[in-house]
Amino acid sequence: MAGPTVSGPVFFHQTENKMAKKSLLSIAPKSEFTAQVAITNPDREPELVEFTFKYRDREALDKWATDLSSAPKTDDAIGSDVKMVMDCATGWELADDFTESNVRQLLVMHPAAAINVYQTYIRTSRIGREKN
């Protein structure tokens, strides 16, 4: 015996309720992020130190960078660098506490640290992490 005959197209209605996979992306990112900063040493390879940075959206980051570059020059270049680090970072993975005094000491002992912190902050803020 033959089955029923169907004329015309047949449509099947899917009744399962499949939930969409959620993305880890959020429109409003966390207020802080971490990134590795290379702290160079004259007598050995650079060491990577994890810094915790403040998140700024694109407009706030542009304003911060512009304000930083247009700030009046002072005789205390290290003081300006300390202010920059304290303005963009909230902590680090060093045995020493993240204080203004210890940031100053880091910048005195490792002269390239200020530019490395700045470049890492800007690059990571704009581009994000290159590798997770």
N, C-alpha and C. Protein backbone atom coordinates (compact mmCIF):
# COMPACT_ATOMS: atom_id res chain seq x y z
N MET A 1 0.84 -1.17 0.00
CA MET A 1 0.00 0.00 0.00
C MET A 1 0.88 1.23 0.00
N ALA A 2 0.56 2.15 -0.83
CA ALA A 2 1.33 3.39 -0.98
C ALA A 2 0.90 4.38 0.07
N GLY A 3 1.89 5.29 0.45
CA GLY A 3 1.62 6.33 1.44
C GLY A 3 0.79 7.44 0.85
N PRO A 4 0.45 8.43 1.66
CA PRO A 4 -0.36 9.53 1.18
C PRO A 4 0.38 10.33 0.12
N THR A 5 -0.34 10.90 -0.76
CA THR A 5 0.21 11.71 -1.82
C THR A 5 0.13 13.17 -1.41
N VAL A 6 1.26 13.90 -1.61
CA VAL A 6 1.31 15.32 -1.25
C VAL A 6 1.54 16.11 -2.52
N SER A 7 0.70 17.08 -2.76
CA SER A 7 0.91 17.93 -3.92
C SER A 7 1.41 19.28 -3.46
N GLY A 8 2.39 19.83 -4.16
CA GLY A 8 2.96 21.14 -3.80
C GLY A 8 4.12 20.98 -2.82
N PRO A 9 4.78 22.06 -2.54
CA PRO A 9 5.96 22.00 -1.67
C PRO A 9 5.57 21.67 -0.23
N VAL A 10 6.50 21.02 0.45
CA VAL A 10 6.29 20.65 1.84
C VAL A 10 7.27 21.46 2.68
N PHE A 11 6.78 22.14 3.69
CA PHE A 11 7.63 22.93 4.58
C PHE A 11 7.60 22.30 5.96
N PHE A 12 8.76 22.18 6.53
CA PHE A 12 8.85 21.64 7.87
C PHE A 12 9.14 22.78 8.83
N HIS A 13 8.40 22.86 9.84
CA HIS A 13 8.57 23.91 10.83
C HIS A 13 9.42 23.36 11.96
N GLN A 14 10.55 24.04 12.23
CA GLN A 14 11.42 23.59 13.31
C GLN A 14 10.87 24.12 14.62
N THR A 15 10.60 23.23 15.52
CA THR A 15 9.98 23.62 16.78
C THR A 15 10.99 23.74 17.93
N GLU A 16 12.25 23.34 17.69
CA GLU A 16 13.24 23.45 18.75
C GLU A 16 13.59 24.91 18.98
N ASN A 17 13.77 25.27 20.21
CA ASN A 17 14.16 26.64 20.55
C ASN A 17 15.64 26.64 20.87
N LYS A 18 16.44 26.89 19.86
CA LYS A 18 17.89 26.90 20.05
C LYS A 18 18.33 28.32 20.43
N MET A 19 19.07 28.39 21.51
CA MET A 19 19.56 29.70 21.96
C MET A 19 20.81 30.05 21.18
N ALA A 20 20.92 31.30 20.82
CA ALA A 20 22.09 31.77 20.11
C ALA A 20 23.30 31.74 21.04
N LYS A 21 24.45 31.47 20.47
CA LYS A 21 25.68 31.44 21.24
C LYS A 21 26.03 32.87 21.63
N LYS A 22 26.34 33.08 22.90
CA LYS A 22 26.65 34.43 23.39
C LYS A 22 28.11 34.77 23.12
N SER A 23 28.34 35.99 22.71
CA SER A 23 29.69 36.50 22.49
C SER A 23 30.26 37.02 23.80
N LEU A 24 31.55 36.98 23.92
CA LEU A 24 32.22 37.54 25.10
C LEU A 24 32.35 39.06 25.00
N LEU A 25 32.08 39.60 23.82
CA LEU A 25 32.18 41.04 23.60
C LEU A 25 31.07 41.77 24.34
N SER A 26 31.43 42.89 24.93
CA SER A 26 30.44 43.73 25.60
C SER A 26 30.55 45.12 25.02
N ILE A 27 29.44 45.79 24.83
CA ILE A 27 29.47 47.15 24.31
C ILE A 27 30.21 48.06 25.28
N ALA A 28 30.01 47.86 26.56
CA ALA A 28 30.70 48.64 27.59
C ALA A 28 31.77 47.77 28.24
N PRO A 29 33.04 47.92 27.81
CA PRO A 29 34.10 47.09 28.38
C PRO A 29 34.32 47.35 29.86
N LYS A 30 35.08 46.46 30.48
CA LYS A 30 35.41 46.61 31.89
C LYS A 30 36.18 47.91 32.09
N SER A 31 36.20 48.40 33.31
CA SER A 31 36.86 49.67 33.60
C SER A 31 38.38 49.55 33.66
N GLU A 32 38.90 48.34 33.69
CA GLU A 32 40.34 48.12 33.73
C GLU A 32 40.69 46.93 32.83
N PHE A 33 41.95 46.90 32.40
CA PHE A 33 42.47 45.77 31.64
C PHE A 33 43.94 45.61 31.99
N THR A 34 44.48 44.46 31.67
CA THR A 34 45.90 44.21 31.94
C THR A 34 46.66 44.04 30.64
N ALA A 35 47.94 44.37 30.71
CA ALA A 35 48.83 44.18 29.56
C ALA A 35 50.26 44.05 30.06
N GLN A 36 51.05 43.33 29.32
CA GLN A 36 52.46 43.13 29.65
C GLN A 36 53.28 44.29 29.09
N VAL A 37 54.10 44.90 29.96
CA VAL A 37 54.99 45.99 29.57
C VAL A 37 56.42 45.49 29.67
N ALA A 38 57.20 45.70 28.62
CA ALA A 38 58.62 45.31 28.63
C ALA A 38 59.40 46.37 29.40
N ILE A 39 60.04 45.95 30.48
CA ILE A 39 60.91 46.84 31.24
C ILE A 39 62.33 46.44 30.88
N THR A 40 63.01 47.34 30.19
CA THR A 40 64.35 47.03 29.69
C THR A 40 65.40 47.23 30.77
N ASN A 41 66.45 46.43 30.64
CA ASN A 41 67.58 46.47 31.54
C ASN A 41 68.84 46.58 30.70
N PRO A 42 69.80 47.39 31.11
CA PRO A 42 71.01 47.52 30.30
C PRO A 42 71.87 46.26 30.29
N ASP A 43 71.74 45.41 31.31
CA ASP A 43 72.63 44.26 31.43
C ASP A 43 71.96 42.91 31.17
N ARG A 44 70.70 42.90 30.78
CA ARG A 44 70.03 41.62 30.51
C ARG A 44 68.79 41.86 29.64
N GLU A 45 68.13 40.78 29.30
CA GLU A 45 66.93 40.85 28.47
C GLU A 45 65.82 41.62 29.19
N PRO A 46 64.93 42.26 28.43
CA PRO A 46 63.79 42.94 29.06
C PRO A 46 62.93 41.95 29.84
N GLU A 47 62.33 42.45 30.90
CA GLU A 47 61.40 41.63 31.68
C GLU A 47 59.99 42.15 31.42
N LEU A 48 59.05 41.22 31.31
CA LEU A 48 57.65 41.59 31.11
C LEU A 48 56.98 41.73 32.47
N VAL A 49 56.39 42.89 32.69
CA VAL A 49 55.68 43.18 33.92
C VAL A 49 54.23 43.46 33.57
N GLU A 50 53.31 42.78 34.25
CA GLU A 50 51.90 43.00 33.98
C GLU A 50 51.43 44.26 34.70
N PHE A 51 50.88 45.19 33.94
CA PHE A 51 50.29 46.41 34.48
C PHE A 51 48.77 46.30 34.37
N THR A 52 48.08 46.91 35.30
CA THR A 52 46.63 47.07 35.20
C THR A 52 46.38 48.50 34.78
N PHE A 53 45.67 48.66 33.67
CA PHE A 53 45.43 49.99 33.09
C PHE A 53 43.97 50.38 33.21
N LYS A 54 43.74 51.68 33.22
CA LYS A 54 42.38 52.23 33.20
C LYS A 54 41.86 52.16 31.77
N TYR A 55 40.62 51.74 31.62
CA TYR A 55 40.00 51.77 30.30
C TYR A 55 39.50 53.18 30.01
N ARG A 56 39.78 53.66 28.82
CA ARG A 56 39.22 54.91 28.31
C ARG A 56 38.64 54.61 26.93
N ASP A 57 37.45 55.14 26.66
CA ASP A 57 36.89 54.95 25.33
C ASP A 57 37.71 55.79 24.35
N ARG A 58 37.40 55.68 23.09
CA ARG A 58 38.21 56.34 22.06
C ARG A 58 38.31 57.84 22.27
N GLU A 59 37.19 58.49 22.54
CA GLU A 59 37.21 59.94 22.73
C GLU A 59 38.02 60.33 23.97
N ALA A 60 37.82 59.61 25.07
CA ALA A 60 38.56 59.92 26.30
C ALA A 60 40.05 59.64 26.13
N LEU A 61 40.39 58.57 25.39
CA LEU A 61 41.80 58.25 25.15
C LEU A 61 42.45 59.33 24.30
N ASP A 62 41.76 59.78 23.26
CA ASP A 62 42.29 60.86 22.41
C ASP A 62 42.50 62.13 23.22
N LYS A 63 41.54 62.47 24.06
CA LYS A 63 41.66 63.67 24.89
C LYS A 63 42.82 63.53 25.87
N TRP A 64 42.94 62.38 26.49
CA TRP A 64 44.03 62.13 27.44
C TRP A 64 45.39 62.29 26.76
N ALA A 65 45.55 61.68 25.58
CA ALA A 65 46.82 61.76 24.85
C ALA A 65 47.11 63.19 24.40
N THR A 66 46.08 63.91 23.95
CA THR A 66 46.25 65.30 23.54
C THR A 66 46.63 66.17 24.73
N ASP A 67 45.93 66.00 25.83
CA ASP A 67 46.26 66.77 27.05
C ASP A 67 47.68 66.48 27.51
N LEU A 68 48.08 65.23 27.40
CA LEU A 68 49.42 64.84 27.82
C LEU A 68 50.48 65.49 26.93
N SER A 69 50.26 65.49 25.63
CA SER A 69 51.25 66.06 24.71
C SER A 69 51.26 67.58 24.73
N SER A 70 50.16 68.20 25.13
CA SER A 70 50.12 69.67 25.16
C SER A 70 50.35 70.23 26.55
N ALA A 71 50.64 69.37 27.52
CA ALA A 71 50.92 69.84 28.88
C ALA A 71 52.19 70.68 28.87
N PRO A 72 52.24 71.73 29.68
CA PRO A 72 53.45 72.55 29.73
C PRO A 72 54.66 71.72 30.15
N LYS A 73 55.76 71.97 29.48
CA LYS A 73 57.00 71.25 29.80
C LYS A 73 57.54 71.77 31.13
N THR A 74 58.05 70.85 31.93
CA THR A 74 58.61 71.24 33.22
C THR A 74 60.06 70.78 33.29
N ASP A 75 60.76 71.25 34.29
CA ASP A 75 62.14 70.83 34.50
C ASP A 75 62.20 69.42 35.08
N ASP A 76 61.09 68.96 35.60
CA ASP A 76 61.03 67.64 36.22
C ASP A 76 60.41 66.65 35.24
N ALA A 77 61.23 66.17 34.28
CA ALA A 77 60.72 65.24 33.27
C ALA A 77 60.24 63.94 33.92
N ILE A 78 60.95 63.49 34.93
CA ILE A 78 60.53 62.25 35.59
C ILE A 78 59.19 62.46 36.28
N GLY A 79 58.99 63.64 36.87
CA GLY A 79 57.70 63.94 37.49
C GLY A 79 56.56 63.87 36.49
N SER A 80 56.78 64.37 35.28
CA SER A 80 55.77 64.29 34.22
C SER A 80 55.49 62.85 33.83
N ASP A 81 56.54 62.05 33.76
CA ASP A 81 56.38 60.63 33.42
C ASP A 81 55.65 59.88 34.53
N VAL A 82 55.97 60.21 35.78
CA VAL A 82 55.28 59.58 36.91
C VAL A 82 53.79 59.90 36.83
N LYS A 83 53.46 61.17 36.55
CA LYS A 83 52.06 61.57 36.44
C LYS A 83 51.37 60.79 35.33
N MET A 84 52.05 60.62 34.19
CA MET A 84 51.48 59.88 33.06
C MET A 84 51.19 58.44 33.47
N VAL A 85 52.15 57.78 34.13
CA VAL A 85 51.95 56.38 34.53
C VAL A 85 50.81 56.28 35.54
N MET A 86 50.78 57.20 36.51
CA MET A 86 49.72 57.16 37.53
C MET A 86 48.35 57.47 36.92
N ASP A 87 48.32 58.24 35.82
CA ASP A 87 47.06 58.57 35.14
C ASP A 87 46.51 57.42 34.30
N CYS A 88 47.39 56.54 33.83
CA CYS A 88 46.90 55.46 32.95
C CYS A 88 46.87 54.10 33.62
N ALA A 89 47.63 53.92 34.69
CA ALA A 89 47.70 52.61 35.33
C ALA A 89 47.17 52.67 36.76
N THR A 90 46.73 51.51 37.24
CA THR A 90 46.24 51.41 38.62
C THR A 90 47.01 50.38 39.43
N GLY A 91 47.90 49.65 38.78
CA GLY A 91 48.66 48.65 39.51
C GLY A 91 49.62 47.92 38.62
N TRP A 92 50.44 47.06 39.25
CA TRP A 92 51.39 46.24 38.52
C TRP A 92 51.65 44.96 39.30
N GLU A 93 52.24 43.99 38.63
CA GLU A 93 52.58 42.72 39.26
C GLU A 93 54.05 42.74 39.65
N LEU A 94 54.40 43.61 40.57
CA LEU A 94 55.74 43.67 41.14
C LEU A 94 55.62 43.44 42.63
N ALA A 95 56.72 43.06 43.26
CA ALA A 95 56.71 42.86 44.70
C ALA A 95 56.46 44.18 45.43
N ASP A 96 56.88 45.29 44.82
CA ASP A 96 56.70 46.61 45.43
C ASP A 96 55.30 47.13 45.14
N ASP A 97 54.72 47.83 46.11
CA ASP A 97 53.39 48.41 45.93
C ASP A 97 53.40 49.43 44.80
N PHE A 98 52.25 49.58 44.15
CA PHE A 98 52.10 50.57 43.10
C PHE A 98 51.79 51.92 43.77
N THR A 99 52.85 52.68 44.02
CA THR A 99 52.73 54.00 44.63
C THR A 99 53.48 54.99 43.76
N GLU A 100 53.19 56.25 43.95
CA GLU A 100 53.88 57.30 43.19
C GLU A 100 55.39 57.22 43.41
N SER A 101 55.79 56.99 44.65
CA SER A 101 57.21 56.89 44.97
C SER A 101 57.87 55.71 44.26
N ASN A 102 57.20 54.56 44.25
CA ASN A 102 57.77 53.39 43.58
C ASN A 102 57.76 53.53 42.07
N VAL A 103 56.75 54.18 41.52
CA VAL A 103 56.73 54.45 40.08
C VAL A 103 57.92 55.36 39.73
N ARG A 104 58.15 56.38 40.52
CA ARG A 104 59.30 57.27 40.30
C ARG A 104 60.59 56.46 40.33
N GLN A 105 60.74 55.58 41.30
CA GLN A 105 61.95 54.77 41.41
C GLN A 105 62.13 53.87 40.18
N LEU A 106 61.04 53.26 39.72
CA LEU A 106 61.10 52.43 38.52
C LEU A 106 61.59 53.25 37.33
N LEU A 107 61.05 54.46 37.17
CA LEU A 107 61.41 55.29 36.02
C LEU A 107 62.83 55.83 36.12
N VAL A 108 63.33 56.04 37.32
CA VAL A 108 64.72 56.48 37.50
C VAL A 108 65.67 55.32 37.15
N MET A 109 65.35 54.13 37.63
CA MET A 109 66.22 52.98 37.44
C MET A 109 66.11 52.36 36.04
N HIS A 110 64.99 52.55 35.38
CA HIS A 110 64.74 51.97 34.05
C HIS A 110 64.19 53.08 33.15
N PRO A 111 65.09 53.89 32.57
CA PRO A 111 64.67 55.08 31.82
C PRO A 111 63.68 54.83 30.68
N ALA A 112 63.72 53.67 30.04
CA ALA A 112 62.80 53.40 28.92
C ALA A 112 61.43 52.96 29.40
N ALA A 113 61.26 52.76 30.70
CA ALA A 113 59.98 52.23 31.21
C ALA A 113 58.81 53.17 30.89
N ALA A 114 59.02 54.47 31.00
CA ALA A 114 57.91 55.42 30.76
C ALA A 114 57.37 55.30 29.35
N ILE A 115 58.24 55.30 28.36
CA ILE A 115 57.77 55.21 26.97
C ILE A 115 57.15 53.84 26.70
N ASN A 116 57.69 52.79 27.33
CA ASN A 116 57.12 51.45 27.13
C ASN A 116 55.73 51.34 27.75
N VAL A 117 55.54 51.95 28.92
CA VAL A 117 54.21 51.96 29.54
C VAL A 117 53.24 52.71 28.63
N TYR A 118 53.64 53.90 28.18
CA TYR A 118 52.79 54.73 27.32
C TYR A 118 52.41 53.98 26.03
N GLN A 119 53.41 53.44 25.35
CA GLN A 119 53.15 52.76 24.07
C GLN A 119 52.27 51.53 24.26
N THR A 120 52.53 50.77 25.32
CA THR A 120 51.70 49.59 25.58
C THR A 120 50.26 49.99 25.87
N TYR A 121 50.09 51.05 26.67
CA TYR A 121 48.75 51.52 27.01
C TYR A 121 47.98 51.96 25.76
N ILE A 122 48.60 52.80 24.95
CA ILE A 122 47.94 53.29 23.74
C ILE A 122 47.65 52.14 22.78
N ARG A 123 48.66 51.31 22.52
CA ARG A 123 48.49 50.21 21.56
C ARG A 123 47.40 49.25 22.02
N THR A 124 47.41 48.86 23.29
CA THR A 124 46.43 47.90 23.79
C THR A 124 45.04 48.53 23.84
N SER A 125 44.97 49.81 24.17
CA SER A 125 43.67 50.51 24.21
C SER A 125 43.06 50.61 22.83
N ARG A 126 43.87 50.88 21.83
CA ARG A 126 43.36 51.08 20.47
C ARG A 126 43.16 49.78 19.71
N ILE A 127 44.10 48.88 19.84
CA ILE A 127 44.07 47.66 19.04
C ILE A 127 43.56 46.48 19.83
N GLY A 128 43.79 46.46 21.11
CA GLY A 128 43.46 45.32 21.93
C GLY A 128 44.63 44.37 22.00
N ARG A 129 44.43 43.28 22.71
CA ARG A 129 45.50 42.31 22.84
C ARG A 129 45.72 41.62 21.51
N GLU A 130 47.00 41.41 21.19
CA GLU A 130 47.31 40.70 19.96
C GLU A 130 47.14 39.21 20.15
N LYS A 131 47.45 38.71 21.36
CA LYS A 131 47.27 37.30 21.68
C LYS A 131 46.68 37.19 23.06
N ASN A 132 45.78 36.26 23.26
CA ASN A 132 45.20 36.05 24.59
C ASN A 132 45.94 34.98 25.33
